[in-house]
Amino acid sequence: QVQLVESGGGLVRPGGSLMLSCAVPQSIFSRHALMAWHRQAAGKERELVGSFSSGGSRTVANSVKGRFIISRDTTTNTVYLQMDNLKPEDTGVYYCDVQYGGTAYWGQGTQVTVSS
C-alpha cells in the first residue's frame, strides 16, 4: 500500500514559521509525477497551496506567494513546504498529494494552527 506521511504541523503565533515535510515512497517519487500541497480550513473546501508540475516547474497560490516555498529533495524522496510570516487565515489541515501513473495518492494531513 502506497502511503504518504506528512509531518511538521503545529501551533504557531502570527508571523511565525513552520516547515512541513511529506515522505513519498520511492515507487512514486518521479520527476514525471505531479506533487502538491493542499490545505483545508474548517468549513471550507480544500485548496491548492503549491505544486510541482510533471515537468518540474513549481507554483504557489497567490494567497501565499512571497511567504510559502515548495521544494523537494530527490535524495530523500521528500516534498517540503516552508511557510513563513504565517497568518491566522493559514490555519487548516495541510495535505500532501502525488499524482503518478493515473493515480492520486494522499497523505493523512497535518494540522497547522496560527493563533496568538
PDB file of N, CA and C in Angstrom:
ATOM      1  N   GLN A   1       0.840  -1.184   0.000  1.00  0.00           N
ATOM      2  CA  GLN A   1       0.000   0.000   0.000  1.00  0.00           C
ATOM      3  C   GLN A   1       0.882   1.243   0.000  1.00  0.00           C
ATOM      4  N   VAL A   2       0.632   2.140  -0.937  1.00  0.00           N
ATOM      5  CA  VAL A   2       1.409   3.365  -1.050  1.00  0.00           C
ATOM      6  C   VAL A   2       0.879   4.374  -0.052  1.00  0.00           C
ATOM      7  N   GLN A   3       1.754   4.931   0.753  1.00  0.00           N
ATOM      8  CA  GLN A   3       1.331   5.860   1.790  1.00  0.00           C
ATOM      9  C   GLN A   3       2.258   7.054   1.837  1.00  0.00           C
ATOM     10  N   LEU A   4       1.664   8.242   1.850  1.00  0.00           N
ATOM     11  CA  LEU A   4       2.400   9.481   2.042  1.00  0.00           C
ATOM     12  C   LEU A   4       2.263   9.873   3.513  1.00  0.00           C
ATOM     13  N   VAL A   5       3.347  10.376   4.096  1.00  0.00           N
ATOM     14  CA  VAL A   5       3.325  10.731   5.507  1.00  0.00           C
ATOM     15  C   VAL A   5       3.771  12.164   5.682  1.00  0.00           C
ATOM     16  N   GLU A   6       2.839  13.011   6.143  1.00  0.00           N
ATOM     17  CA  GLU A   6       3.156  14.408   6.405  1.00  0.00           C
ATOM     18  C   GLU A   6       3.583  14.584   7.857  1.00  0.00           C
ATOM     19  N   SER A   7       4.394  15.606   8.092  1.00  0.00           N
ATOM     20  CA  SER A   7       4.784  15.967   9.455  1.00  0.00           C
ATOM     21  C   SER A   7       5.171  17.430   9.488  1.00  0.00           C
ATOM     22  N   GLY A   8       5.299  17.971  10.687  1.00  0.00           N
ATOM     23  CA  GLY A   8       5.775  19.331  10.841  1.00  0.00           C
ATOM     24  C   GLY A   8       4.723  20.348  11.225  1.00  0.00           C
ATOM     25  N   GLY A   9       3.477  19.931  11.299  1.00  0.00           N
ATOM     26  CA  GLY A   9       2.440  20.875  11.698  1.00  0.00           C
ATOM     27  C   GLY A   9       2.515  21.211  13.175  1.00  0.00           C
ATOM     28  N   GLY A  10       1.702  22.174  13.588  1.00  0.00           N
ATOM     29  CA  GLY A  10       1.687  22.549  14.986  1.00  0.00           C
ATOM     30  C   GLY A  10       1.021  23.888  15.190  1.00  0.00           C
ATOM     31  N   LEU A  11       1.191  24.405  16.388  1.00  0.00           N
ATOM     32  CA  LEU A  11       0.641  25.703  16.767  1.00  0.00           C
ATOM     33  C   LEU A  11       1.745  26.746  16.691  1.00  0.00           C
ATOM     34  N   VAL A  12       1.472  27.847  16.019  1.00  0.00           N
ATOM     35  CA  VAL A  12       2.469  28.898  15.869  1.00  0.00           C
ATOM     36  C   VAL A  12       1.778  30.247  15.954  1.00  0.00           C
ATOM     37  N   ARG A  13       2.499  31.237  16.420  1.00  0.00           N
ATOM     38  CA  ARG A  13       1.938  32.586  16.521  1.00  0.00           C
ATOM     39  C   ARG A  13       1.973  33.276  15.162  1.00  0.00           C
ATOM     40  N   PRO A  14       1.104  34.236  14.940  1.00  0.00           N
ATOM     41  CA  PRO A  14       1.161  35.004  13.690  1.00  0.00           C
ATOM     42  C   PRO A  14       2.555  35.581  13.477  1.00  0.00           C
ATOM     43  N   GLY A  15       3.023  35.490  12.238  1.00  0.00           N
ATOM     44  CA  GLY A  15       4.370  35.943  11.915  1.00  0.00           C
ATOM     45  C   GLY A  15       5.412  34.859  12.038  1.00  0.00           C
ATOM     46  N   GLY A  16       5.044  33.725  12.613  1.00  0.00           N
ATOM     47  CA  GLY A  16       5.983  32.630  12.791  1.00  0.00           C
ATOM     48  C   GLY A  16       6.154  31.787  11.547  1.00  0.00           C
ATOM     49  N   SER A  17       6.967  30.733  11.697  1.00  0.00           N
ATOM     50  CA  SER A  17       7.293  29.865  10.569  1.00  0.00           C
ATOM     51  C   SER A  17       7.130  28.400  10.948  1.00  0.00           C
ATOM     52  N   LEU A  18       6.835  27.601   9.940  1.00  0.00           N
ATOM     53  CA  LEU A  18       6.811  26.154  10.059  1.00  0.00           C
ATOM     54  C   LEU A  18       7.319  25.558   8.756  1.00  0.00           C
ATOM     55  N   MET A  19       7.913  24.380   8.844  1.00  0.00           N
ATOM     56  CA  MET A  19       8.245  23.631   7.641  1.00  0.00           C
ATOM     57  C   MET A  19       7.546  22.282   7.697  1.00  0.00           C
ATOM     58  N   LEU A  20       6.733  22.024   6.701  1.00  0.00           N
ATOM     59  CA  LEU A  20       6.052  20.748   6.581  1.00  0.00           C
ATOM     60  C   LEU A  20       6.863  19.816   5.688  1.00  0.00           C
ATOM     61  N   SER A  21       6.847  18.547   6.027  1.00  0.00           N
ATOM     62  CA  SER A  21       7.542  17.531   5.233  1.00  0.00           C
ATOM     63  C   SER A  21       6.559  16.462   4.803  1.00  0.00           C
ATOM     64  N   CYS A  22       6.812  15.902   3.645  1.00  0.00           N
ATOM     65  CA  CYS A  22       5.986  14.800   3.142  1.00  0.00           C
ATOM     66  C   CYS A  22       6.921  13.721   2.617  1.00  0.00           C
ATOM     67  N   ALA A  23       6.915  12.595   3.291  1.00  0.00           N
ATOM     68  CA  ALA A  23       7.726  11.452   2.853  1.00  0.00           C
ATOM     69  C   ALA A  23       6.963  10.686   1.785  1.00  0.00           C
ATOM     70  N   VAL A  24       7.573  10.577   0.613  1.00  0.00           N
ATOM     71  CA  VAL A  24       6.926   9.942  -0.544  1.00  0.00           C
ATOM     72  C   VAL A  24       7.630   8.623  -0.861  1.00  0.00           C
ATOM     73  N   PRO A  25       6.897   7.554  -1.047  1.00  0.00           N
ATOM     74  CA  PRO A  25       7.526   6.274  -1.391  1.00  0.00           C
ATOM     75  C   PRO A  25       8.317   6.367  -2.684  1.00  0.00           C
ATOM     76  N   GLN A  26       9.447   5.678  -2.716  1.00  0.00           N
ATOM     77  CA  GLN A  26      10.320   5.681  -3.877  1.00  0.00           C
ATOM     78  C   GLN A  26       9.565   5.323  -5.160  1.00  0.00           C
ATOM     79  N   SER A  27       8.608   4.426  -5.035  1.00  0.00           N
ATOM     80  CA  SER A  27       7.902   3.913  -6.217  1.00  0.00           C
ATOM     81  C   SER A  27       7.129   4.978  -6.972  1.00  0.00           C
ATOM     82  N   ILE A  28       6.774   6.073  -6.309  1.00  0.00           N
ATOM     83  CA  ILE A  28       6.022   7.129  -6.997  1.00  0.00           C
ATOM     84  C   ILE A  28       6.739   8.471  -6.964  1.00  0.00           C
ATOM     85  N   PHE A  29       7.939   8.514  -6.403  1.00  0.00           N
ATOM     86  CA  PHE A  29       8.690   9.776  -6.390  1.00  0.00           C
ATOM     87  C   PHE A  29       9.424   9.879  -7.709  1.00  0.00           C
ATOM     88  N   SER A  30       8.753  10.469  -8.663  1.00  0.00           N
ATOM     89  CA  SER A  30       9.288  10.548 -10.012  1.00  0.00           C
ATOM     90  C   SER A  30       9.246  11.978 -10.495  1.00  0.00           C
ATOM     91  N   ARG A  31      10.208  12.351 -11.315  1.00  0.00           N
ATOM     92  CA  ARG A  31      10.187  13.710 -11.870  1.00  0.00           C
ATOM     93  C   ARG A  31       9.014  13.897 -12.819  1.00  0.00           C
ATOM     94  N   HIS A  32       8.371  12.799 -13.158  1.00  0.00           N
ATOM     95  CA  HIS A  32       7.199  12.883 -14.022  1.00  0.00           C
ATOM     96  C   HIS A  32       5.901  12.982 -13.230  1.00  0.00           C
ATOM     97  N   ALA A  33       6.016  12.925 -11.921  1.00  0.00           N
ATOM     98  CA  ALA A  33       4.833  12.997 -11.072  1.00  0.00           C
ATOM     99  C   ALA A  33       4.478  14.443 -10.760  1.00  0.00           C
ATOM    100  N   LEU A  34       3.222  14.700 -10.534  1.00  0.00           N
ATOM    101  CA  LEU A  34       2.779  15.994 -10.030  1.00  0.00           C
ATOM    102  C   LEU A  34       2.725  15.878  -8.503  1.00  0.00           C
ATOM    103  N   MET A  35       3.407  16.783  -7.811  1.00  0.00           N
ATOM    104  CA  MET A  35       3.439  16.753  -6.347  1.00  0.00           C
ATOM    105  C   MET A  35       2.923  18.086  -5.828  1.00  0.00           C
ATOM    106  N   ALA A  36       2.109  18.032  -4.817  1.00  0.00           N
ATOM    107  CA  ALA A  36       1.464  19.258  -4.376  1.00  0.00           C
ATOM    108  C   ALA A  36       1.140  19.236  -2.888  1.00  0.00           C
ATOM    109  N   TRP A  37       0.923  20.433  -2.375  1.00  0.00           N
ATOM    110  CA  TRP A  37       0.372  20.631  -1.035  1.00  0.00           C
ATOM    111  C   TRP A  37      -0.983  21.317  -1.188  1.00  0.00           C
ATOM    112  N   HIS A  38      -1.955  20.809  -0.461  1.00  0.00           N
ATOM    113  CA  HIS A  38      -3.266  21.427  -0.371  1.00  0.00           C
ATOM    114  C   HIS A  38      -3.535  21.731   1.095  1.00  0.00           C
ATOM    115  N   ARG A  39      -4.542  22.542   1.347  1.00  0.00           N
ATOM    116  CA  ARG A  39      -4.977  22.770   2.723  1.00  0.00           C
ATOM    117  C   ARG A  39      -6.492  22.895   2.759  1.00  0.00           C
ATOM    118  N   GLN A  40      -7.009  22.609   3.937  1.00  0.00           N
ATOM    119  CA  GLN A  40      -8.455  22.726   4.121  1.00  0.00           C
ATOM    120  C   GLN A  40      -8.743  23.313   5.483  1.00  0.00           C
ATOM    121  N   ALA A  41      -9.368  24.476   5.470  1.00  0.00           N
ATOM    122  CA  ALA A  41      -9.790  25.113   6.712  1.00  0.00           C
ATOM    123  C   ALA A  41     -11.168  24.571   7.103  1.00  0.00           C
ATOM    124  N   ALA A  42     -11.487  24.683   8.363  1.00  0.00           N
ATOM    125  CA  ALA A  42     -12.772  24.182   8.858  1.00  0.00           C
ATOM    126  C   ALA A  42     -13.923  24.849   8.113  1.00  0.00           C
ATOM    127  N   GLY A  43     -14.810  24.045   7.577  1.00  0.00           N
ATOM    128  CA  GLY A  43     -15.967  24.559   6.881  1.00  0.00           C
ATOM    129  C   GLY A  43     -15.721  25.066   5.478  1.00  0.00           C
ATOM    130  N   LYS A  44     -14.501  24.877   4.977  1.00  0.00           N
ATOM    131  CA  LYS A  44     -14.175  25.357   3.641  1.00  0.00           C
ATOM    132  C   LYS A  44     -13.700  24.201   2.762  1.00  0.00           C
ATOM    133  N   GLU A  45     -13.659  24.471   1.473  1.00  0.00           N
ATOM    134  CA  GLU A  45     -13.197  23.454   0.535  1.00  0.00           C
ATOM    135  C   GLU A  45     -11.667  23.381   0.555  1.00  0.00           C
ATOM    136  N   ARG A  46     -11.179  22.219   0.156  1.00  0.00           N
ATOM    137  CA  ARG A  46      -9.741  22.045   0.059  1.00  0.00           C
ATOM    138  C   ARG A  46      -9.218  22.915  -1.073  1.00  0.00           C
ATOM    139  N   GLU A  47      -8.061  23.562  -0.843  1.00  0.00           N
ATOM    140  CA  GLU A  47      -7.491  24.431  -1.869  1.00  0.00           C
ATOM    141  C   GLU A  47      -6.025  24.092  -2.084  1.00  0.00           C
ATOM    142  N   LEU A  48      -5.576  24.347  -3.315  1.00  0.00           N
ATOM    143  CA  LEU A  48      -4.184  24.110  -3.663  1.00  0.00           C
ATOM    144  C   LEU A  48      -3.306  25.213  -3.090  1.00  0.00           C
ATOM    145  N   VAL A  49      -2.213  24.830  -2.452  1.00  0.00           N
ATOM    146  CA  VAL A  49      -1.280  25.800  -1.886  1.00  0.00           C
ATOM    147  C   VAL A  49      -0.058  25.948  -2.788  1.00  0.00           C
ATOM    148  N   GLY A  50       0.497  24.839  -3.231  1.00  0.00           N
ATOM    149  CA  GLY A  50       1.672  24.881  -4.087  1.00  0.00           C
ATOM    150  C   GLY A  50       1.882  23.539  -4.746  1.00  0.00           C
ATOM    151  N   SER A  51       2.595  23.535  -5.869  1.00  0.00           N
ATOM    152  CA  SER A  51       2.773  22.278  -6.590  1.00  0.00           C
ATOM    153  C   SER A  51       4.015  22.278  -7.468  1.00  0.00           C
ATOM    154  N   PHE A  52       4.484  21.062  -7.740  1.00  0.00           N
ATOM    155  CA  PHE A  52       5.465  20.806  -8.785  1.00  0.00           C
ATOM    156  C   PHE A  52       4.710  20.136  -9.920  1.00  0.00           C
ATOM    157  N   SER A  53       4.841  20.673 -11.129  1.00  0.00           N
ATOM    158  CA  SER A  53       4.204  20.017 -12.268  1.00  0.00           C
ATOM    159  C   SER A  53       5.005  18.783 -12.662  1.00  0.00           C
ATOM    160  N   SER A  54       4.444  17.987 -13.542  1.00  0.00           N
ATOM    161  CA  SER A  54       5.157  16.805 -14.015  1.00  0.00           C
ATOM    162  C   SER A  54       6.410  17.186 -14.789  1.00  0.00           C
ATOM    163  N   GLY A  55       6.473  18.428 -15.247  1.00  0.00           N
ATOM    164  CA  GLY A  55       7.672  18.904 -15.925  1.00  0.00           C
ATOM    165  C   GLY A  55       8.693  19.514 -14.986  1.00  0.00           C
ATOM    166  N   GLY A  56       8.321  19.625 -13.698  1.00  0.00           N
ATOM    167  CA  GLY A  56       9.281  20.117 -12.717  1.00  0.00           C
ATOM    168  C   GLY A  56       9.112  21.573 -12.317  1.00  0.00           C
ATOM    169  N   SER A  57       8.262  22.322 -13.008  1.00  0.00           N
ATOM    170  CA  SER A  57       8.077  23.724 -12.632  1.00  0.00           C
ATOM    171  C   SER A  57       7.209  23.796 -11.386  1.00  0.00           C
ATOM    172  N   ARG A  58       7.428  24.803 -10.559  1.00  0.00           N
ATOM    173  CA  ARG A  58       6.675  24.911  -9.311  1.00  0.00           C
ATOM    174  C   ARG A  58       5.927  26.223  -9.245  1.00  0.00           C
ATOM    175  N   THR A  59       4.787  26.164  -8.604  1.00  0.00           N
ATOM    176  CA  THR A  59       3.947  27.337  -8.418  1.00  0.00           C
ATOM    177  C   THR A  59       3.386  27.318  -7.001  1.00  0.00           C
ATOM    178  N   VAL A  60       2.984  28.497  -6.532  1.00  0.00           N
ATOM    179  CA  VAL A  60       2.263  28.598  -5.266  1.00  0.00           C
ATOM    180  C   VAL A  60       1.044  29.484  -5.485  1.00  0.00           C
ATOM    181  N   ALA A  61       0.070  29.332  -4.640  1.00  0.00           N
ATOM    182  CA  ALA A  61      -1.154  30.124  -4.740  1.00  0.00           C
ATOM    183  C   ALA A  61      -0.859  31.600  -4.459  1.00  0.00           C
ATOM    184  N   ASN A  62      -1.649  32.470  -5.046  1.00  0.00           N
ATOM    185  CA  ASN A  62      -1.448  33.911  -4.846  1.00  0.00           C
ATOM    186  C   ASN A  62      -1.560  34.293  -3.370  1.00  0.00           C
ATOM    187  N   SER A  63      -2.403  33.584  -2.635  1.00  0.00           N
ATOM    188  CA  SER A  63      -2.617  33.912  -1.227  1.00  0.00           C
ATOM    189  C   SER A  63      -1.383  33.651  -0.361  1.00  0.00           C
ATOM    190  N   VAL A  64      -0.445  32.854  -0.855  1.00  0.00           N
ATOM    191  CA  VAL A  64       0.749  32.539  -0.061  1.00  0.00           C
ATOM    192  C   VAL A  64       2.038  32.949  -0.767  1.00  0.00           C
ATOM    193  N   LYS A  65       1.905  33.562  -1.914  1.00  0.00           N
ATOM    194  CA  LYS A  65       3.092  33.956  -2.679  1.00  0.00           C
ATOM    195  C   LYS A  65       3.941  34.932  -1.868  1.00  0.00           C
ATOM    196  N   GLY A  66       5.244  34.676  -1.863  1.00  0.00           N
ATOM    197  CA  GLY A  66       6.152  35.515  -1.092  1.00  0.00           C
ATOM    198  C   GLY A  66       6.314  35.058   0.344  1.00  0.00           C
ATOM    199  N   ARG A  67       5.471  34.109   0.784  1.00  0.00           N
ATOM    200  CA  ARG A  67       5.553  33.605   2.156  1.00  0.00           C
ATOM    201  C   ARG A  67       5.837  32.105   2.208  1.00  0.00           C
ATOM    202  N   PHE A  68       5.322  31.355   1.254  1.00  0.00           N
ATOM    203  CA  PHE A  68       5.488  29.902   1.231  1.00  0.00           C
ATOM    204  C   PHE A  68       6.375  29.498   0.061  1.00  0.00           C
ATOM    205  N   ILE A  69       7.173  28.468   0.293  1.00  0.00           N
ATOM    206  CA  ILE A  69       8.013  27.902  -0.767  1.00  0.00           C
ATOM    207  C   ILE A  69       7.850  26.388  -0.759  1.00  0.00           C
ATOM    208  N   ILE A  70       7.591  25.833  -1.932  1.00  0.00           N
ATOM    209  CA  ILE A  70       7.540  24.376  -2.066  1.00  0.00           C
ATOM    210  C   ILE A  70       8.863  23.900  -2.645  1.00  0.00           C
ATOM    211  N   SER A  71       9.373  22.815  -2.103  1.00  0.00           N
ATOM    212  CA  SER A  71      10.628  22.268  -2.596  1.00  0.00           C
ATOM    213  C   SER A  71      10.609  20.755  -2.435  1.00  0.00           C
ATOM    214  N   ARG A  72      11.611  20.105  -2.998  1.00  0.00           N
ATOM    215  CA  ARG A  72      11.698  18.660  -2.840  1.00  0.00           C
ATOM    216  C   ARG A  72      13.139  18.215  -2.861  1.00  0.00           C
ATOM    217  N   ASP A  73      13.387  17.108  -2.195  1.00  0.00           N
ATOM    218  CA  ASP A  73      14.718  16.540  -2.089  1.00  0.00           C
ATOM    219  C   ASP A  73      14.676  15.155  -2.731  1.00  0.00           C
ATOM    220  N   THR A  74      15.361  15.020  -3.861  1.00  0.00           N
ATOM    221  CA  THR A  74      15.317  13.753  -4.584  1.00  0.00           C
ATOM    222  C   THR A  74      16.173  12.669  -3.927  1.00  0.00           C
ATOM    223  N   THR A  75      17.023  13.061  -2.982  1.00  0.00           N
ATOM    224  CA  THR A  75      17.851  12.048  -2.315  1.00  0.00           C
ATOM    225  C   THR A  75      17.098  11.382  -1.169  1.00  0.00           C
ATOM    226  N   THR A  76      16.116  12.100  -0.616  1.00  0.00           N
ATOM    227  CA  THR A  76      15.344  11.544   0.499  1.00  0.00           C
ATOM    228  C   THR A  76      13.878  11.316   0.135  1.00  0.00           C
ATOM    229  N   ASN A  77      13.507  11.604  -1.116  1.00  0.00           N
ATOM    230  CA  ASN A  77      12.114  11.428  -1.564  1.00  0.00           C
ATOM    231  C   ASN A  77      11.140  12.199  -0.677  1.00  0.00           C
ATOM    232  N   THR A  78      11.467  13.444  -0.432  1.00  0.00           N
ATOM    233  CA  THR A  78      10.660  14.265   0.474  1.00  0.00           C
ATOM    234  C   THR A  78      10.249  15.555  -0.224  1.00  0.00           C
ATOM    235  N   VAL A  79       9.017  15.931  -0.023  1.00  0.00           N
ATOM    236  CA  VAL A  79       8.500  17.213  -0.510  1.00  0.00           C
ATOM    237  C   VAL A  79       8.289  18.115   0.715  1.00  0.00           C
ATOM    238  N   TYR A  80       8.709  19.360   0.595  1.00  0.00           N
ATOM    239  CA  TYR A  80       8.649  20.285   1.722  1.00  0.00           C
ATOM    240  C   TYR A  80       7.728  21.475   1.396  1.00  0.00           C
ATOM    241  N   LEU A  81       7.219  22.064   2.441  1.00  0.00           N
ATOM    242  CA  LEU A  81       6.509  23.335   2.327  1.00  0.00           C
ATOM    243  C   LEU A  81       7.018  24.237   3.445  1.00  0.00           C
ATOM    244  N   GLN A  82       7.856  25.188   3.060  1.00  0.00           N
ATOM    245  CA  GLN A  82       8.356  26.165   4.027  1.00  0.00           C
ATOM    246  C   GLN A  82       7.345  27.298   4.108  1.00  0.00           C
ATOM    247  N   MET A  83       6.873  27.568   5.307  1.00  0.00           N
ATOM    248  CA  MET A  83       5.837  28.586   5.499  1.00  0.00           C
ATOM    249  C   MET A  83       6.364  29.651   6.451  1.00  0.00           C
ATOM    250  N   ASP A  84       6.484  30.863   5.950  1.00  0.00           N
ATOM    251  CA  ASP A  84       6.968  31.988   6.743  1.00  0.00           C
ATOM    252  C   ASP A  84       5.872  33.042   6.872  1.00  0.00           C
ATOM    253  N   ASN A  85       6.047  33.928   7.850  1.00  0.00           N
ATOM    254  CA  ASN A  85       5.084  35.006   8.078  1.00  0.00           C
ATOM    255  C   ASN A  85       3.647  34.466   8.095  1.00  0.00           C
ATOM    256  N   LEU A  86       3.437  33.454   8.886  1.00  0.00           N
ATOM    257  CA  LEU A  86       2.127  32.805   8.927  1.00  0.00           C
ATOM    258  C   LEU A  86       1.053  33.737   9.471  1.00  0.00           C
ATOM    259  N   LYS A  87      -0.151  33.568   8.933  1.00  0.00           N
ATOM    260  CA  LYS A  87      -1.296  34.374   9.322  1.00  0.00           C
ATOM    261  C   LYS A  87      -2.403  33.461   9.850  1.00  0.00           C
ATOM    262  N   PRO A  88      -3.302  33.994  10.645  1.00  0.00           N
ATOM    263  CA  PRO A  88      -4.402  33.167  11.158  1.00  0.00           C
ATOM    264  C   PRO A  88      -5.192  32.469  10.045  1.00  0.00           C
ATOM    265  N   GLU A  89      -5.313  33.116   8.904  1.00  0.00           N
ATOM    266  CA  GLU A  89      -6.059  32.510   7.797  1.00  0.00           C
ATOM    267  C   GLU A  89      -5.325  31.344   7.145  1.00  0.00           C
ATOM    268  N   ASP A  90      -4.083  31.095   7.554  1.00  0.00           N
ATOM    269  CA  ASP A  90      -3.360  29.918   7.066  1.00  0.00           C
ATOM    270  C   ASP A  90      -3.714  28.660   7.869  1.00  0.00           C
ATOM    271  N   THR A  91      -4.497  28.828   8.904  1.00  0.00           N
ATOM    272  CA  THR A  91      -4.896  27.697   9.735  1.00  0.00           C
ATOM    273  C   THR A  91      -5.692  26.672   8.942  1.00  0.00           C
ATOM    274  N   GLY A  92      -5.365  25.403   9.150  1.00  0.00           N
ATOM    275  CA  GLY A  92      -6.086  24.336   8.475  1.00  0.00           C
ATOM    276  C   GLY A  92      -5.304  23.042   8.508  1.00  0.00           C
ATOM    277  N   VAL A  93      -5.852  22.040   7.890  1.00  0.00           N
ATOM    278  CA  VAL A  93      -5.153  20.770   7.730  1.00  0.00           C
ATOM    279  C   VAL A  93      -4.453  20.784   6.378  1.00  0.00           C
ATOM    280  N   TYR A  94      -3.181  20.504   6.394  1.00  0.00           N
ATOM    281  CA  TYR A  94      -2.373  20.527   5.180  1.00  0.00           C
ATOM    282  C   TYR A  94      -2.120  19.089   4.710  1.00  0.00           C
ATOM    283  N   TYR A  95      -2.381  18.892   3.415  1.00  0.00           N
ATOM    284  CA  TYR A  95      -2.256  17.572   2.826  1.00  0.00           C
ATOM    285  C   TYR A  95      -1.235  17.589   1.690  1.00  0.00           C
ATOM    286  N   CYS A  96      -0.476  16.531   1.644  1.00  0.00           N
ATOM    287  CA  CYS A  96       0.442  16.303   0.542  1.00  0.00           C
ATOM    288  C   CYS A  96      -0.227  15.346  -0.438  1.00  0.00           C
ATOM    289  N   ASP A  97      -0.031  15.568  -1.741  1.00  0.00           N
ATOM    290  CA  ASP A  97      -0.562  14.605  -2.697  1.00  0.00           C
ATOM    291  C   ASP A  97       0.379  14.452  -3.878  1.00  0.00           C
ATOM    292  N   VAL A  98       0.370  13.271  -4.430  1.00  0.00           N
ATOM    293  CA  VAL A  98       1.188  12.936  -5.591  1.00  0.00           C
ATOM    294  C   VAL A  98       0.280  12.277  -6.621  1.00  0.00           C
ATOM    295  N   GLN A  99       0.378  12.743  -7.854  1.00  0.00           N
ATOM    296  CA  GLN A  99      -0.363  12.122  -8.950  1.00  0.00           C
ATOM    297  C   GLN A  99       0.643  11.494  -9.900  1.00  0.00           C
ATOM    298  N   TYR A 100       0.540  10.194 -10.051  1.00  0.00           N
ATOM    299  CA  TYR A 100       1.501   9.474 -10.870  1.00  0.00           C
ATOM    300  C   TYR A 100       0.856   8.240 -11.443  1.00  0.00           C
ATOM    301  N   GLY A 101       1.070   8.019 -12.709  1.00  0.00           N
ATOM    302  CA  GLY A 101       0.535   6.827 -13.345  1.00  0.00           C
ATOM    303  C   GLY A 101      -0.980   6.760 -13.335  1.00  0.00           C
ATOM    304  N   GLY A 102      -1.610   7.921 -13.366  1.00  0.00           N
ATOM    305  CA  GLY A 102      -3.060   7.947 -13.392  1.00  0.00           C
ATOM    306  C   GLY A 102      -3.726   7.788 -12.042  1.00  0.00           C
ATOM    307  N   THR A 103      -2.956   7.767 -10.990  1.00  0.00           N
ATOM    308  CA  THR A 103      -3.498   7.590  -9.644  1.00  0.00           C
ATOM    309  C   THR A 103      -3.088   8.753  -8.758  1.00  0.00           C
ATOM    310  N   ALA A 104      -4.006   9.175  -7.907  1.00  0.00           N
ATOM    311  CA  ALA A 104      -3.717  10.230  -6.935  1.00  0.00           C
ATOM    312  C   ALA A 104      -3.517   9.593  -5.563  1.00  0.00           C
ATOM    313  N   TYR A 105      -2.439   9.979  -4.912  1.00  0.00           N
ATOM    314  CA  TYR A 105      -2.107   9.471  -3.585  1.00  0.00           C
ATOM    315  C   TYR A 105      -2.121  10.639  -2.608  1.00  0.00           C
ATOM    316  N   TRP A 106      -2.745  10.439  -1.459  1.00  0.00           N
ATOM    317  CA  TRP A 106      -2.873  11.494  -0.455  1.00  0.00           C
ATOM    318  C   TRP A 106      -2.327  11.037   0.884  1.00  0.00           C
ATOM    319  N   GLY A 107      -1.799  12.006   1.627  1.00  0.00           N
ATOM    320  CA  GLY A 107      -1.411  11.736   2.993  1.00  0.00           C
ATOM    321  C   GLY A 107      -2.591  11.938   3.930  1.00  0.00           C
ATOM    322  N   GLN A 108      -2.336  11.723   5.209  1.00  0.00           N
ATOM    323  CA  GLN A 108      -3.407  11.819   6.202  1.00  0.00           C
ATOM    324  C   GLN A 108      -3.624  13.248   6.681  1.00  0.00           C
ATOM    325  N   GLY A 109      -2.696  14.134   6.351  1.00  0.00           N
ATOM    326  CA  GLY A 109      -2.829  15.531   6.726  1.00  0.00           C
ATOM    327  C   GLY A 109      -2.118  15.863   8.035  1.00  0.00           C
ATOM    328  N   THR A 110      -1.712  17.120   8.145  1.00  0.00           N
ATOM    329  CA  THR A 110      -1.102  17.616   9.380  1.00  0.00           C
ATOM    330  C   THR A 110      -1.717  18.969   9.712  1.00  0.00           C
ATOM    331  N   GLN A 111      -2.071  19.152  10.969  1.00  0.00           N
ATOM    332  CA  GLN A 111      -2.787  20.355  11.386  1.00  0.00           C
ATOM    333  C   GLN A 111      -1.812  21.513  11.593  1.00  0.00           C
ATOM    334  N   VAL A 112      -2.151  22.649  11.021  1.00  0.00           N
ATOM    335  CA  VAL A 112      -1.422  23.896  11.249  1.00  0.00           C
ATOM    336  C   VAL A 112      -2.403  24.887  11.864  1.00  0.00           C
ATOM    337  N   THR A 113      -2.045  25.423  13.020  1.00  0.00           N
ATOM    338  CA  THR A 113      -2.878  26.413  13.692  1.00  0.00           C
ATOM    339  C   THR A 113      -2.056  27.660  13.947  1.00  0.00           C
ATOM    340  N   VAL A 114      -2.534  28.779  13.435  1.00  0.00           N
ATOM    341  CA  VAL A 114      -1.855  30.062  13.616  1.00  0.00           C
ATOM    342  C   VAL A 114      -2.728  30.920  14.521  1.00  0.00           C
ATOM    343  N   SER A 115      -2.242  31.147  15.718  1.00  0.00           N
ATOM    344  CA  SER A 115      -3.054  31.859  16.700  1.00  0.00           C
ATOM    345  C   SER A 115      -2.149  32.485  17.746  1.00  0.00           C
ATOM    346  N   SER A 116      -2.594  33.631  18.236  1.00  0.00           N
ATOM    347  CA  SER A 116      -1.861  34.273  19.312  1.00  0.00           C
ATOM    348  C   SER A 116      -2.395  33.830  20.678  1.00  0.00           C
TER     349      SER A 116
END
